[in-house]
Amino acid sequence: MADLVPVPGVMLERLAALGLDVAQILARAGISSAVLGPPRGRLTTAEFFALWQAIEALAGSRDLGLRLGAEALPQKFDIASTAALHSASVGEALAKLGKYKRLVCPEEVTVTVVEDEARLRFQWLLAEGDPPRFLVDGTFASVMTMLRRGTHKPLVPLRVELTRRRGDGPLLTRHFGCPVRFDAPIDLLVLPAAALAEPFVTHNADLLALLLPGLDAELAAHDRGRSLADDVRLALCRRMCGERPSVDKVARDLRVSPRTLQRRLEEAGTSYQRLLDEVRDQSARRLLTRTDLDASQVAFLLGFEELNSFTRAFQHWAGTTPTRFRAQARAP
């Protein structure tokens, strides 16, 4: 999987128009302006996150991420968003966004329908840490802008769930027009499930007929480069929310038998338990650093039946207790 994230020139132009010093932003992020010029114009995930962290540090306004996302123009959309905007409905648009986003950058978009809710999640596949706050805000704002533009209706989410500690609550509530939950296990944009059936007035079947065959061919070539371990990690991340993802459940997600899954992982030099520990370790560090959830709540979200079991496992991973790790992570 190529670790390349496109940075549209219009984004930098917009920052300059808002009065920000783009050269100062790039310097703070440790990025040379030559890297963003032709022919590359792409960053690694780590560089992209550093860019957004620098934007947040120098913005002087807490709503800048929301504004950048909400003001995205259709002619500046990436190929996945273009396919989504010309779909027949909200549900089809989100499905196309999830299907083709991986061709744009190492990011996975998933929509899970639970009873009367459609839960939209963006996950950076090659990230070592959580996405910056402004990037999450901008991503959710741009999705809502695209759905409203497609339907010509003022769609409103049921709620927004954020992994960060409480902050900017009134600002976010005012922008999205819905409740905002902090200290969540994962970042989610939650829509009414009924909204998936809303038709798009921007539907263009002729354009999609020209566009999609090439995208599907490119996607098939892209997926041939993925490893089984990558797929297992993703399946584990999706289920890391209050349950212990058993090998049977993950195998079912990947449409193989548990025996076949374990055999193929062994052939690849790893194991299901090793990948489960890896994902749990990363998730625990993120939750302890980014949220105010206590250790027992973190243990529950990671699927541990007892706090003591989680504490022992975390000491094995990090060499310290969850409480000490949190204190050290928050120390100046």
Protein backbone atom coordinates (compact mmCIF):
# COMPACT_ATOMS: atom_id res chain seq x y z
CA MET A 1 0.00 0.00 0.00
CA ALA A 2 1.50 3.30 -1.09
CA ASP A 3 1.77 5.87 1.67
CA LEU A 4 0.93 8.89 -0.45
CA VAL A 5 -1.66 11.54 0.43
CA PRO A 6 -2.49 14.23 -2.15
CA VAL A 7 -2.44 17.84 -0.99
CA PRO A 8 -4.45 19.96 -3.44
CA GLY A 9 -2.91 23.28 -4.31
CA VAL A 10 -6.30 24.89 -3.69
CA MET A 11 -5.99 23.95 -0.01
CA LEU A 12 -2.79 25.96 0.37
CA GLU A 13 -4.31 28.79 -1.63
CA ARG A 14 -7.31 28.82 0.69
CA LEU A 15 -5.05 28.96 3.76
CA ALA A 16 -3.22 31.94 2.28
CA ALA A 17 -6.53 33.64 1.46
CA LEU A 18 -7.56 33.25 5.11
CA GLY A 19 -4.45 35.15 6.15
CA LEU A 20 -2.25 32.24 7.22
CA ASP A 21 1.45 32.15 6.42
CA VAL A 22 1.77 28.97 4.34
CA ALA A 23 5.59 29.07 4.46
CA GLN A 24 5.44 29.21 8.25
CA ILE A 25 2.99 26.30 8.33
CA LEU A 26 5.24 24.16 6.14
CA ALA A 27 8.30 25.08 8.21
CA ARG A 28 6.55 24.12 11.43
CA ALA A 29 5.48 20.81 9.87
CA GLY A 30 9.02 20.15 8.61
CA ILE A 31 7.89 20.01 4.98
CA SER A 32 9.74 21.56 2.07
CA SER A 33 7.61 23.56 -0.35
CA ALA A 34 9.38 21.69 -3.17
CA VAL A 35 7.76 18.44 -1.98
CA LEU A 36 4.28 19.85 -2.67
CA GLY A 37 5.13 21.19 -6.10
CA PRO A 38 4.78 19.21 -9.34
CA PRO A 39 5.15 16.43 -10.16
CA ARG A 40 4.62 14.95 -6.68
CA GLY A 41 2.22 17.09 -4.63
CA ARG A 42 1.86 14.25 -2.14
CA LEU A 43 2.90 13.60 1.44
CA THR A 44 3.24 10.54 3.61
CA THR A 45 0.55 10.02 6.25
CA ALA A 46 2.95 11.25 8.94
CA GLU A 47 3.79 14.38 6.92
CA PHE A 48 0.11 15.00 6.18
CA PHE A 49 -0.76 14.77 9.88
CA ALA A 50 2.13 17.10 10.72
CA LEU A 51 0.78 19.59 8.17
CA TRP A 52 -2.64 19.60 9.82
CA GLN A 53 -1.11 19.87 13.28
CA ALA A 54 0.83 22.92 12.12
CA ILE A 55 -2.36 24.42 10.66
CA GLU A 56 -4.11 23.93 13.99
CA ALA A 57 -1.22 25.46 15.93
CA LEU A 58 -1.07 28.57 13.74
CA ALA A 59 -4.73 28.97 12.77
CA GLY A 60 -5.78 31.40 15.49
CA SER A 61 -9.36 30.16 14.97
CA ARG A 62 -10.88 26.93 16.27
CA ASP A 63 -13.30 26.60 13.34
CA LEU A 64 -10.73 26.57 10.54
CA GLY A 65 -10.94 22.80 9.97
CA LEU A 66 -14.72 23.02 9.72
CA ARG A 67 -14.51 25.93 7.29
CA LEU A 68 -11.98 24.22 5.02
CA GLY A 69 -14.17 21.12 4.86
CA ALA A 70 -17.46 22.92 4.39
CA GLU A 71 -16.15 25.18 1.62
CA ALA A 72 -14.84 22.38 -0.62
CA LEU A 73 -15.89 22.93 -4.24
CA PRO A 74 -17.13 20.05 -6.46
CA GLN A 75 -14.58 20.83 -9.18
CA LYS A 76 -11.83 20.32 -6.59
CA PHE A 77 -13.11 16.92 -5.36
CA ASP A 78 -10.84 13.87 -5.56
CA ILE A 79 -11.89 10.96 -7.75
CA ALA A 80 -13.70 9.12 -4.91
CA SER A 81 -15.74 12.20 -3.96
CA THR A 82 -16.53 12.87 -7.62
CA ALA A 83 -17.92 9.35 -8.03
CA ALA A 84 -19.89 9.80 -4.81
CA LEU A 85 -21.40 13.16 -5.81
CA HIS A 86 -22.78 11.71 -9.06
CA SER A 87 -24.34 8.65 -7.41
CA ALA A 88 -28.07 7.96 -7.26
CA SER A 89 -28.56 8.30 -3.49
CA VAL A 90 -26.89 9.03 -0.16
CA GLY A 91 -26.34 5.32 0.47
CA GLU A 92 -24.79 4.75 -2.96
CA ALA A 93 -22.63 7.87 -2.56
CA LEU A 94 -21.21 6.69 0.75
CA ALA A 95 -20.64 3.21 -0.66
CA LYS A 96 -18.68 4.63 -3.60
CA LEU A 97 -16.74 6.94 -1.30
CA GLY A 98 -15.77 3.92 0.80
CA LYS A 99 -14.94 1.79 -2.23
CA TYR A 100 -12.72 4.24 -4.08
CA LYS A 101 -11.16 6.29 -1.28
CA ARG A 102 -8.27 3.84 -1.03
CA LEU A 103 -7.25 4.80 -4.57
CA VAL A 104 -6.73 8.38 -3.38
CA CYS A 105 -4.86 7.83 -0.12
CA PRO A 106 -4.33 5.13 2.57
CA GLU A 107 -7.69 5.81 4.22
CA GLU A 108 -10.65 3.46 4.66
CA VAL A 109 -14.24 4.70 4.82
CA THR A 110 -16.86 2.36 6.26
CA VAL A 111 -20.60 2.72 6.85
CA THR A 112 -22.22 0.44 9.41
CA VAL A 113 -25.99 0.39 9.79
CA VAL A 114 -27.15 -0.39 13.33
CA GLU A 115 -30.93 -0.31 13.78
CA ASP A 116 -31.93 3.23 12.73
CA GLU A 117 -28.39 4.63 12.52
CA ALA A 118 -25.81 4.78 9.73
CA ARG A 119 -22.39 5.15 11.35
CA LEU A 120 -19.68 6.61 9.11
CA ARG A 121 -16.03 6.06 10.07
CA PHE A 122 -12.80 7.24 8.45
CA GLN A 123 -9.68 5.26 9.34
CA TRP A 124 -6.11 6.11 8.31
CA LEU A 125 -4.52 2.74 7.60
CA LEU A 126 -0.85 3.71 7.92
CA ALA A 127 -1.12 6.20 10.78
CA GLU A 128 0.92 5.72 13.95
CA GLY A 129 -1.34 8.08 15.91
CA ASP A 130 -4.78 9.65 15.78
CA PRO A 131 -5.63 12.11 13.00
CA PRO A 132 -5.36 15.78 14.03
CA ARG A 133 -8.52 17.44 15.31
CA PHE A 134 -8.84 19.88 12.43
CA LEU A 135 -8.51 17.04 9.92
CA VAL A 136 -11.35 15.09 11.57
CA ASP A 137 -13.50 18.23 11.74
CA GLY A 138 -12.79 19.06 8.10
CA THR A 139 -13.47 15.50 6.92
CA PHE A 140 -16.85 15.32 8.63
CA ALA A 141 -17.76 18.83 7.45
CA SER A 142 -16.83 18.02 3.84
CA VAL A 143 -18.92 14.82 3.87
CA MET A 144 -21.97 16.70 5.12
CA THR A 145 -21.40 19.41 2.49
CA MET A 146 -21.22 16.77 -0.24
CA LEU A 147 -24.41 15.02 0.95
CA ARG A 148 -26.32 18.31 1.20
CA ARG A 149 -25.12 19.37 -2.24
CA GLY A 150 -26.12 16.02 -3.69
CA THR A 151 -29.61 15.94 -2.16
CA HIS A 152 -30.26 19.70 -2.14
CA LYS A 153 -31.59 19.13 1.38
CA PRO A 154 -30.30 20.40 4.76
CA LEU A 155 -29.38 16.95 6.09
CA VAL A 156 -28.41 16.91 9.76
CA PRO A 157 -26.49 14.11 11.55
CA LEU A 158 -27.98 12.38 14.57
CA ARG A 159 -24.73 13.05 16.41
CA VAL A 160 -20.96 13.31 16.07
CA GLU A 161 -18.71 11.11 18.23
CA LEU A 162 -15.12 12.22 18.84
CA THR A 163 -12.25 10.45 20.59
CA ARG A 164 -10.83 13.70 21.91
CA ARG A 165 -11.40 15.15 25.35
CA ARG A 166 -14.19 17.69 25.68
CA GLY A 167 -13.45 20.98 23.92
CA ASP A 168 -15.04 23.30 21.36
CA GLY A 169 -18.39 21.68 22.15
CA PRO A 170 -20.62 24.71 21.35
CA LEU A 171 -18.67 25.40 18.14
CA LEU A 172 -19.05 21.84 16.85
CA THR A 173 -22.68 21.55 17.94
CA ARG A 174 -23.52 24.79 16.16
CA HIS A 175 -21.80 23.72 12.94
CA PHE A 176 -23.21 20.19 12.67
CA GLY A 177 -26.57 21.02 14.27
CA CYS A 178 -26.55 17.90 16.44
CA PRO A 179 -25.22 16.61 19.78
CA VAL A 180 -21.47 16.02 19.99
CA ARG A 181 -20.12 13.22 22.20
CA PHE A 182 -16.56 13.36 23.47
CA ASP A 183 -14.31 10.60 24.90
CA ALA A 184 -15.74 8.19 22.32
CA PRO A 185 -13.84 5.01 21.40
CA ILE A 186 -13.68 6.01 17.71
CA ASP A 187 -14.53 9.09 15.63
CA LEU A 188 -17.96 8.64 14.05
CA LEU A 189 -20.37 10.69 12.00
CA VAL A 190 -23.81 9.20 12.69
CA LEU A 191 -26.67 9.75 10.23
CA PRO A 192 -30.27 8.53 10.30
CA ALA A 193 -30.39 5.20 8.46
CA ALA A 194 -33.41 6.53 6.57
CA ALA A 195 -31.20 9.22 5.03
CA LEU A 196 -29.40 6.56 2.98
CA ALA A 197 -32.43 6.36 0.69
CA GLU A 198 -32.43 10.10 -0.09
CA PRO A 199 -31.96 10.58 -3.87
CA PHE A 200 -29.19 12.73 -5.34
CA VAL A 201 -30.20 15.47 -7.77
CA THR A 202 -26.57 15.45 -8.96
CA HIS A 203 -26.89 11.85 -10.21
CA ASN A 204 -25.11 11.39 -13.55
CA ALA A 205 -25.30 7.81 -14.81
CA ASP A 206 -23.47 8.59 -18.06
CA LEU A 207 -20.48 10.04 -16.22
CA LEU A 208 -20.33 7.05 -13.86
CA ALA A 209 -20.47 4.66 -16.82
CA LEU A 210 -17.30 6.29 -18.16
CA LEU A 211 -15.58 6.66 -14.81
CA LEU A 212 -16.19 3.45 -12.86
CA PRO A 213 -14.70 0.73 -15.12
CA GLY A 214 -11.26 2.34 -14.93
CA LEU A 215 -11.58 2.84 -11.18
CA ASP A 216 -12.62 -0.78 -10.67
CA ALA A 217 -9.64 -2.03 -12.67
CA GLU A 218 -7.30 0.17 -10.68
CA LEU A 219 -8.88 -0.98 -7.42
CA ALA A 220 -8.41 -4.66 -8.35
CA ALA A 221 -4.70 -4.03 -8.95
CA HIS A 222 -4.51 -2.06 -5.70
CA ASP A 223 -6.08 -4.84 -3.61
CA ARG A 224 -3.67 -7.46 -4.95
CA GLY A 225 -0.93 -5.68 -3.00
CA ARG A 226 -2.67 -6.01 0.38
CA SER A 227 -1.58 -8.66 2.86
CA LEU A 228 -3.79 -10.92 4.98
CA ALA A 229 -2.31 -9.39 8.12
CA ASP A 230 -3.46 -5.95 6.92
CA ASP A 231 -6.99 -7.28 6.43
CA VAL A 232 -7.02 -8.88 9.89
CA ARG A 233 -5.83 -5.66 11.54
CA LEU A 234 -8.62 -3.73 9.83
CA ALA A 235 -11.23 -6.30 10.86
CA LEU A 236 -9.99 -6.13 14.44
CA CYS A 237 -10.10 -2.33 14.47
CA ARG A 238 -13.69 -2.36 13.26
CA ARG A 239 -14.71 -4.70 16.09
CA MET A 240 -12.65 -3.01 18.83
CA CYS A 241 -15.63 -1.47 20.59
CA GLY A 242 -16.70 -3.41 23.67
CA GLU A 243 -16.16 -6.97 22.51
CA ARG A 244 -13.28 -9.40 22.25
CA PRO A 245 -13.01 -10.04 18.52
CA SER A 246 -12.82 -13.81 18.31
CA VAL A 247 -10.98 -15.54 15.51
CA ASP A 248 -14.33 -16.98 14.38
CA LYS A 249 -15.86 -13.52 13.95
CA VAL A 250 -12.85 -12.09 12.13
CA ALA A 251 -12.67 -15.13 9.86
CA ARG A 252 -16.34 -14.65 9.04
CA ASP A 253 -15.67 -10.98 8.21
CA LEU A 254 -12.92 -12.08 5.82
CA ARG A 255 -15.01 -14.93 4.36
CA VAL A 256 -12.60 -17.72 5.27
CA SER A 257 -12.73 -20.50 7.85
CA PRO A 258 -11.00 -19.95 11.22
CA ARG A 259 -8.64 -22.85 10.47
CA THR A 260 -7.68 -21.37 7.08
CA LEU A 261 -7.17 -17.93 8.59
CA GLN A 262 -4.85 -19.19 11.32
CA ARG A 263 -2.90 -21.38 8.87
CA ARG A 264 -2.37 -18.52 6.41
CA LEU A 265 -1.29 -16.15 9.19
CA GLU A 266 1.21 -18.74 10.40
CA GLU A 267 2.54 -19.07 6.86
CA ALA A 268 2.95 -15.27 6.82
CA GLY A 269 5.04 -15.40 10.00
CA THR A 270 2.47 -14.07 12.45
CA SER A 271 -0.60 -15.20 14.39
CA TYR A 272 -4.08 -14.04 15.26
CA GLN A 273 -3.14 -13.44 18.91
CA ARG A 274 -0.09 -11.39 17.93
CA LEU A 275 -2.20 -9.14 15.67
CA LEU A 276 -4.91 -8.85 18.35
CA ASP A 277 -2.32 -7.75 20.92
CA GLU A 278 -0.87 -5.25 18.44
CA VAL A 279 -4.25 -3.62 17.73
CA ARG A 280 -5.23 -3.63 21.41
CA ASP A 281 -1.91 -2.06 22.39
CA GLN A 282 -2.29 0.75 19.83
CA SER A 283 -5.94 1.33 20.76
CA ALA A 284 -5.17 1.40 24.49
CA ARG A 285 -2.40 3.97 24.05
CA ARG A 286 -4.70 6.15 21.94
CA LEU A 287 -7.60 6.00 24.41
CA LEU A 288 -5.39 6.69 27.42
CA THR A 289 -3.71 9.62 25.70
CA ARG A 290 -6.61 11.22 23.87
CA THR A 291 -9.62 10.65 26.17
CA ASP A 292 -10.61 10.94 29.83
CA LEU A 293 -12.03 7.41 29.96
CA ASP A 294 -10.86 5.60 33.08
CA ALA A 295 -8.86 2.38 32.83
CA SER A 296 -11.89 0.16 33.44
CA GLN A 297 -13.76 1.80 30.55
CA VAL A 298 -10.75 1.38 28.27
CA ALA A 299 -10.53 -2.28 29.30
CA PHE A 300 -14.20 -2.78 28.39
CA LEU A 301 -13.82 -1.15 24.97
CA LEU A 302 -10.85 -3.40 24.19
CA GLY A 303 -12.83 -6.51 25.11
CA PHE A 304 -11.18 -7.40 28.42
CA GLU A 305 -13.50 -9.02 30.95
CA GLU A 306 -11.55 -7.69 33.95
CA LEU A 307 -9.51 -4.58 34.67
CA ASN A 308 -6.70 -6.70 36.14
CA SER A 309 -6.37 -8.62 32.88
CA PHE A 310 -6.07 -5.39 30.92
CA THR A 311 -3.54 -3.95 33.39
CA ARG A 312 -1.32 -7.04 33.13
CA ALA A 313 -1.51 -7.04 29.34
CA PHE A 314 -0.75 -3.31 29.12
CA GLN A 315 2.26 -3.68 31.43
CA HIS A 316 3.55 -6.38 29.08
CA TRP A 317 3.07 -4.08 26.04
CA ALA A 318 4.21 -0.76 27.45
CA GLY A 319 6.33 -1.68 30.47
CA THR A 320 4.14 0.39 32.80
CA THR A 321 0.59 0.57 34.13
CA PRO A 322 -2.22 2.35 32.27
CA THR A 323 -2.40 5.02 34.98
CA ARG A 324 1.32 5.78 34.84
CA PHE A 325 1.32 5.76 31.05
CA ARG A 326 -1.48 8.36 31.00
CA ALA A 327 0.33 10.55 33.54
CA GLN A 328 3.57 10.40 31.54
CA ALA A 329 1.76 11.12 28.25
CA ARG A 330 0.16 14.25 29.72
CA ALA A 331 3.24 15.52 31.50
CA PRO A 332 4.67 18.77 30.05
